[in-house]
Amino acid sequence: MASSAMGKRLEGKTIVITGASSGIGRSTAAEFARTSPNNLRLILTARRIDTLKQIAADITKEVGDGVKVLPFQLDVSKPEEVSSFVEKLPEEWRDIDILVNNAGLVKGVARAPDIAAEDINVQFATNVTGLINMTQAVLPIFKSRDEGGKGDIINIGSIAGREPYAGGSIYCATKAAVRSFTDALRKELIATRIRVIEIDPGQVETEFSVVRFYGDRSKADAVYAGCEPLTPDDIAEIIVFAAGRRENVVIADTLVFPSHQAAAGVMHRKV
């Protein structure tokens, strides 16, 4: 299989993707494998280990055994699981080059004062604390490299972190926190070769909306009625593109909409 310049730049890398069992995370794993099929290690983390094992088998079937895949059961909302993550990896998998902080969720559309405490807590624990803890677990590996350190941290934000909307106050607050953390981290690491990248999708059709409506698929489907949302593959291509740039190029900030969307609440729906 011929390798592109981007594929060659990614060769030999070890990549961690959180929330890899579905949606954007799953598509990102497949896209990295297709882009650099000759020599790559993918550590796929999520709560659903059986799904990760199936994804690993699918990737091997598609691209062959040049891509090694390690399914790893991990709930990023549990700090004790994150803090022991690196030490539990087999030694040959610990030299991580790229961290894709993708795990995230949204729960409910309630407005204050009716927002359930458990919905607040799980969103912050996963989307904010989980992302920060994963970054802190992997960053020492990056910083140990020459010239102050080297590696990529790719955080998946959201349009919601830039433009809060009614019924999404907690989710929007979590994504604004991701944005602030990402921007501060980039400044803190300016003297290194560690790249800090944020990608903010607009409307993407994944299991995400099903989770928001507590498993009610008909309500989730209504979100996308009359629209053609982005797909997880659309975002995966951008993640891999950002990781595959020359070392000096930092795609710091990317906002991605489907063509019917112009802002968080500005949509054109076909009737």
Protein backbone atom coordinates (compact mmCIF):
# COMPACT_ATOMS: atom_id res chain seq x y z
CA MET A 1 0.00 0.00 0.00
CA ALA A 2 1.56 3.32 -1.04
CA SER A 3 1.97 5.76 1.78
CA SER A 4 1.33 9.50 1.48
CA ALA A 5 3.62 12.15 2.97
CA MET A 6 1.13 12.38 5.83
CA GLY A 7 1.19 8.61 6.28
CA LYS A 8 5.00 8.64 6.43
CA ARG A 9 4.98 11.40 9.07
CA LEU A 10 2.68 9.26 11.22
CA GLU A 11 4.69 6.06 10.78
CA GLY A 12 6.04 4.53 13.98
CA LYS A 13 3.75 6.58 16.22
CA THR A 14 1.80 5.35 19.23
CA ILE A 15 -1.62 6.99 19.45
CA VAL A 16 -4.12 6.99 22.33
CA ILE A 17 -7.79 7.67 21.51
CA THR A 18 -10.31 8.00 24.35
CA GLY A 19 -13.98 7.29 23.74
CA ALA A 20 -12.93 5.01 20.90
CA SER A 21 -15.86 2.56 21.03
CA SER A 22 -18.24 4.68 18.92
CA GLY A 23 -18.74 7.91 17.03
CA ILE A 24 -15.79 10.20 16.38
CA GLY A 25 -13.34 8.07 18.39
CA ARG A 26 -14.10 4.93 16.46
CA SER A 27 -13.84 6.72 13.09
CA THR A 28 -10.57 8.35 14.15
CA ALA A 29 -8.99 4.97 14.92
CA ALA A 30 -9.94 3.67 11.47
CA GLU A 31 -8.72 6.86 9.74
CA PHE A 32 -5.29 6.75 11.43
CA ALA A 33 -4.98 3.07 10.42
CA ARG A 34 -5.88 3.76 6.77
CA THR A 35 -3.58 6.79 6.56
CA SER A 36 -0.50 5.07 7.99
CA PRO A 37 -1.04 1.30 7.60
CA ASN A 38 2.60 0.18 7.66
CA ASN A 39 3.79 0.87 11.20
CA LEU A 40 1.40 2.28 13.77
CA ARG A 41 0.23 1.51 17.29
CA LEU A 42 -3.30 2.44 18.34
CA ILE A 43 -4.37 2.32 22.00
CA LEU A 44 -8.17 2.45 21.97
CA THR A 45 -9.82 3.25 25.28
CA ALA A 46 -13.48 3.25 26.32
CA ARG A 47 -15.74 1.64 28.90
CA ARG A 48 -16.96 -1.05 26.46
CA ILE A 49 -14.04 -3.45 26.06
CA ASP A 50 -15.94 -5.95 23.88
CA THR A 51 -16.73 -3.22 21.35
CA LEU A 52 -13.07 -2.14 21.34
CA LYS A 53 -11.97 -5.72 20.64
CA GLN A 54 -14.35 -5.88 17.68
CA ILE A 55 -13.03 -2.54 16.34
CA ALA A 56 -9.45 -3.85 16.69
CA ALA A 57 -10.40 -6.94 14.67
CA ASP A 58 -12.11 -4.77 12.02
CA ILE A 59 -9.01 -2.58 11.65
CA THR A 60 -6.69 -5.59 11.28
CA LYS A 61 -9.04 -7.10 8.70
CA GLU A 62 -9.07 -3.85 6.68
CA VAL A 63 -5.41 -2.76 6.76
CA GLY A 64 -3.44 -5.80 7.89
CA ASP A 65 -1.09 -6.27 10.81
CA GLY A 66 1.11 -3.22 10.14
CA VAL A 67 -1.23 -1.46 12.56
CA LYS A 68 -1.09 -2.90 16.08
CA VAL A 69 -4.22 -2.23 18.12
CA LEU A 70 -4.50 -2.43 21.91
CA PRO A 71 -8.07 -2.31 23.28
CA PHE A 72 -7.94 -0.87 26.83
CA GLN A 73 -10.93 -0.61 29.17
CA LEU A 74 -10.95 2.85 30.72
CA ASP A 75 -13.56 5.19 32.19
CA VAL A 76 -11.97 8.65 32.02
CA SER A 77 -14.48 9.95 34.59
CA LYS A 78 -12.73 7.79 37.23
CA PRO A 79 -9.47 9.50 38.29
CA GLU A 80 -8.00 6.32 39.79
CA GLU A 81 -8.36 4.52 36.43
CA VAL A 82 -6.69 7.39 34.58
CA SER A 83 -3.80 7.77 37.04
CA SER A 84 -2.87 4.08 36.65
CA PHE A 85 -3.44 4.03 32.86
CA VAL A 86 0.18 4.42 31.69
CA GLU A 87 1.69 1.97 34.20
CA LYS A 88 -0.86 -0.68 33.18
CA LEU A 89 0.19 -0.48 29.52
CA PRO A 90 2.63 -3.12 28.27
CA GLU A 91 6.08 -1.51 28.22
CA GLU A 92 6.35 -1.39 24.43
CA TRP A 93 3.11 0.64 24.29
CA ARG A 94 4.13 3.39 26.74
CA ASP A 95 6.06 5.62 24.35
CA ILE A 96 2.92 7.58 23.41
CA ASP A 97 3.21 10.24 20.67
CA ILE A 98 -0.36 11.45 20.19
CA LEU A 99 -3.24 11.77 22.66
CA VAL A 100 -6.73 12.31 21.23
CA ASN A 101 -8.98 13.44 24.09
CA ASN A 102 -12.29 12.53 22.49
CA ALA A 103 -14.33 10.94 25.32
CA GLY A 104 -17.30 13.13 26.18
CA LEU A 105 -21.03 13.13 26.68
CA VAL A 106 -24.09 15.30 27.13
CA LYS A 107 -27.00 14.46 29.43
CA GLY A 108 -30.45 16.01 29.22
CA VAL A 109 -31.85 19.32 28.04
CA ALA A 110 -32.96 20.56 31.46
CA ARG A 111 -32.73 24.21 32.43
CA ALA A 112 -31.87 25.65 35.85
CA PRO A 113 -33.19 25.10 38.50
CA ASP A 114 -34.24 21.65 37.25
CA ILE A 115 -30.84 20.20 36.22
CA ALA A 116 -30.17 16.87 37.93
CA ALA A 117 -27.04 16.81 40.11
CA GLU A 118 -25.93 13.49 38.60
CA ASP A 119 -26.14 14.95 35.08
CA ILE A 120 -23.97 17.91 36.12
CA ASN A 121 -21.43 15.64 37.80
CA VAL A 122 -21.05 13.07 35.02
CA GLN A 123 -20.59 15.74 32.35
CA PHE A 124 -17.89 17.59 34.29
CA ALA A 125 -16.20 14.36 35.43
CA THR A 126 -15.97 13.06 31.85
CA ASN A 127 -15.65 16.13 29.64
CA VAL A 128 -13.43 18.29 31.87
CA THR A 129 -11.76 16.40 34.71
CA GLY A 130 -11.33 13.27 32.59
CA LEU A 131 -9.71 15.22 29.76
CA ILE A 132 -7.39 17.08 32.15
CA ASN A 133 -6.43 13.89 33.99
CA MET A 134 -5.67 12.06 30.72
CA THR A 135 -3.50 14.98 29.64
CA GLN A 136 -1.64 14.91 32.95
CA ALA A 137 -1.14 11.14 32.70
CA VAL A 138 0.43 11.32 29.23
CA LEU A 139 2.20 14.70 29.29
CA PRO A 140 5.23 13.50 31.34
CA ILE A 141 6.01 11.07 28.48
CA PHE A 142 5.95 13.95 25.99
CA LYS A 143 8.02 16.23 28.26
CA SER A 144 10.74 13.61 28.76
CA ARG A 145 11.79 13.91 25.10
CA ASP A 146 14.62 16.10 23.79
CA GLU A 147 14.32 19.86 23.18
CA GLY A 148 11.84 20.35 26.00
CA GLY A 149 9.52 17.63 24.78
CA LYS A 150 7.55 16.42 21.79
CA GLY A 151 4.05 15.02 21.14
CA ASP A 152 0.52 16.00 20.18
CA ILE A 153 -2.49 16.65 22.41
CA ILE A 154 -5.68 16.84 20.35
CA ASN A 155 -8.75 17.92 22.31
CA ILE A 156 -12.22 17.50 20.85
CA GLY A 157 -14.21 20.54 21.87
CA SER A 158 -17.51 21.77 20.43
CA ILE A 159 -19.25 24.80 19.00
CA ALA A 160 -21.05 24.61 22.37
CA GLY A 161 -17.85 25.81 24.06
CA ARG A 162 -17.97 29.04 22.03
CA GLU A 163 -21.73 29.73 21.86
CA PRO A 164 -23.84 28.54 24.80
CA TYR A 165 -27.46 27.71 24.08
CA ALA A 166 -30.64 27.24 26.12
CA GLY A 167 -31.02 23.72 27.48
CA GLY A 168 -27.31 23.02 27.12
CA SER A 169 -25.87 25.13 29.93
CA ILE A 170 -23.86 22.37 31.62
CA TYR A 171 -22.54 20.78 28.44
CA CYS A 172 -21.64 24.22 27.06
CA ALA A 173 -19.87 25.07 30.33
CA THR A 174 -17.82 21.85 30.11
CA LYS A 175 -16.74 22.58 26.55
CA ALA A 176 -15.86 26.19 27.43
CA ALA A 177 -13.67 24.74 30.18
CA VAL A 178 -11.96 22.47 27.62
CA ARG A 179 -11.31 25.49 25.43
CA SER A 180 -9.75 27.49 28.27
CA PHE A 181 -7.64 24.56 29.45
CA THR A 182 -6.43 23.93 25.89
CA ASP A 183 -5.49 27.57 25.29
CA ALA A 184 -3.64 27.82 28.62
CA LEU A 185 -1.82 24.53 27.99
CA ARG A 186 -0.62 25.70 24.57
CA LYS A 187 0.91 28.79 26.22
CA GLU A 188 2.48 26.74 29.01
CA LEU A 189 4.15 24.42 26.48
CA ILE A 190 5.32 27.12 24.05
CA ALA A 191 9.03 26.38 24.68
CA THR A 192 8.56 22.71 23.69
CA ARG A 193 7.71 20.87 20.49
CA ILE A 194 4.46 19.64 22.07
CA ARG A 195 1.54 20.68 19.89
CA VAL A 196 -1.82 21.47 21.48
CA ILE A 197 -4.71 21.26 19.03
CA GLU A 198 -8.45 21.81 19.46
CA ILE A 199 -11.11 20.71 17.00
CA ASP A 200 -14.64 22.02 17.57
CA PRO A 201 -17.38 20.24 15.61
CA GLY A 202 -20.80 21.66 14.99
CA GLN A 203 -23.67 19.21 14.51
CA VAL A 204 -22.44 15.61 14.12
CA GLU A 205 -24.73 12.59 14.02
CA THR A 206 -23.47 9.99 16.54
CA GLU A 207 -24.81 8.05 19.55
CA PHE A 208 -24.22 11.32 21.38
CA SER A 209 -27.83 12.54 21.01
CA VAL A 210 -29.19 9.17 22.09
CA VAL A 211 -27.23 9.54 25.34
CA ARG A 212 -28.51 13.11 25.77
CA PHE A 213 -32.10 11.85 25.65
CA TYR A 214 -31.38 8.95 28.02
CA GLY A 215 -31.65 6.34 25.26
CA ASP A 216 -34.74 7.72 23.48
CA ARG A 217 -33.74 7.28 19.83
CA SER A 218 -36.85 8.98 18.38
CA LYS A 219 -36.02 12.20 20.25
CA ALA A 220 -32.41 11.91 19.11
CA ASP A 221 -33.45 11.42 15.49
CA ALA A 222 -35.64 14.54 15.65
CA VAL A 223 -32.49 16.63 16.29
CA TYR A 224 -31.26 15.79 12.79
CA ALA A 225 -34.61 15.98 10.95
CA GLY A 226 -34.40 18.04 7.77
CA CYS A 227 -30.61 18.37 8.07
CA GLU A 228 -27.54 16.60 6.79
CA PRO A 229 -25.25 16.65 9.83
CA LEU A 230 -21.53 15.97 9.81
CA THR A 231 -20.49 12.34 10.18
CA PRO A 232 -17.88 11.00 12.60
CA ASP A 233 -15.69 10.31 9.54
CA ASP A 234 -15.71 14.02 8.64
CA ILE A 235 -14.21 14.89 12.04
CA ALA A 236 -11.82 11.92 12.00
CA GLU A 237 -10.29 13.15 8.74
CA ILE A 238 -9.59 16.55 10.34
CA ILE A 239 -8.06 14.98 13.47
CA VAL A 240 -5.70 12.84 11.39
CA PHE A 241 -4.89 15.78 9.09
CA ALA A 242 -3.92 17.91 12.11
CA ALA A 243 -1.74 15.13 13.54
CA GLY A 244 -0.11 14.52 10.17
CA ARG A 245 1.23 18.05 9.57
CA ARG A 246 4.93 18.87 9.59
CA GLU A 247 6.21 19.16 13.15
CA ASN A 248 6.36 22.97 12.97
CA VAL A 249 2.70 23.33 11.96
CA VAL A 250 0.09 23.63 14.73
CA ILE A 251 -3.55 23.54 13.64
CA ALA A 252 -4.42 25.27 16.90
CA ASP A 253 -8.11 25.85 16.46
CA THR A 254 -10.66 24.44 14.01
CA LEU A 255 -14.42 25.05 13.86
CA VAL A 256 -16.29 22.66 11.58
CA PHE A 257 -19.93 22.99 10.49
CA PRO A 258 -22.20 21.06 8.16
CA SER A 259 -23.36 23.35 5.35
CA HIS A 260 -26.80 23.96 6.92
CA GLN A 261 -25.29 25.40 10.11
CA ALA A 262 -23.84 28.88 10.66
CA ALA A 263 -23.74 29.06 14.47
CA ALA A 264 -24.79 27.05 17.54
CA GLY A 265 -28.47 27.86 17.07
CA VAL A 266 -28.53 28.93 13.43
CA MET A 267 -29.71 26.05 11.25
CA HIS A 268 -31.46 25.76 7.93
CA ARG A 269 -33.85 22.80 7.98
CA LYS A 270 -35.45 21.43 4.82
CA VAL A 271 -39.14 20.78 5.44
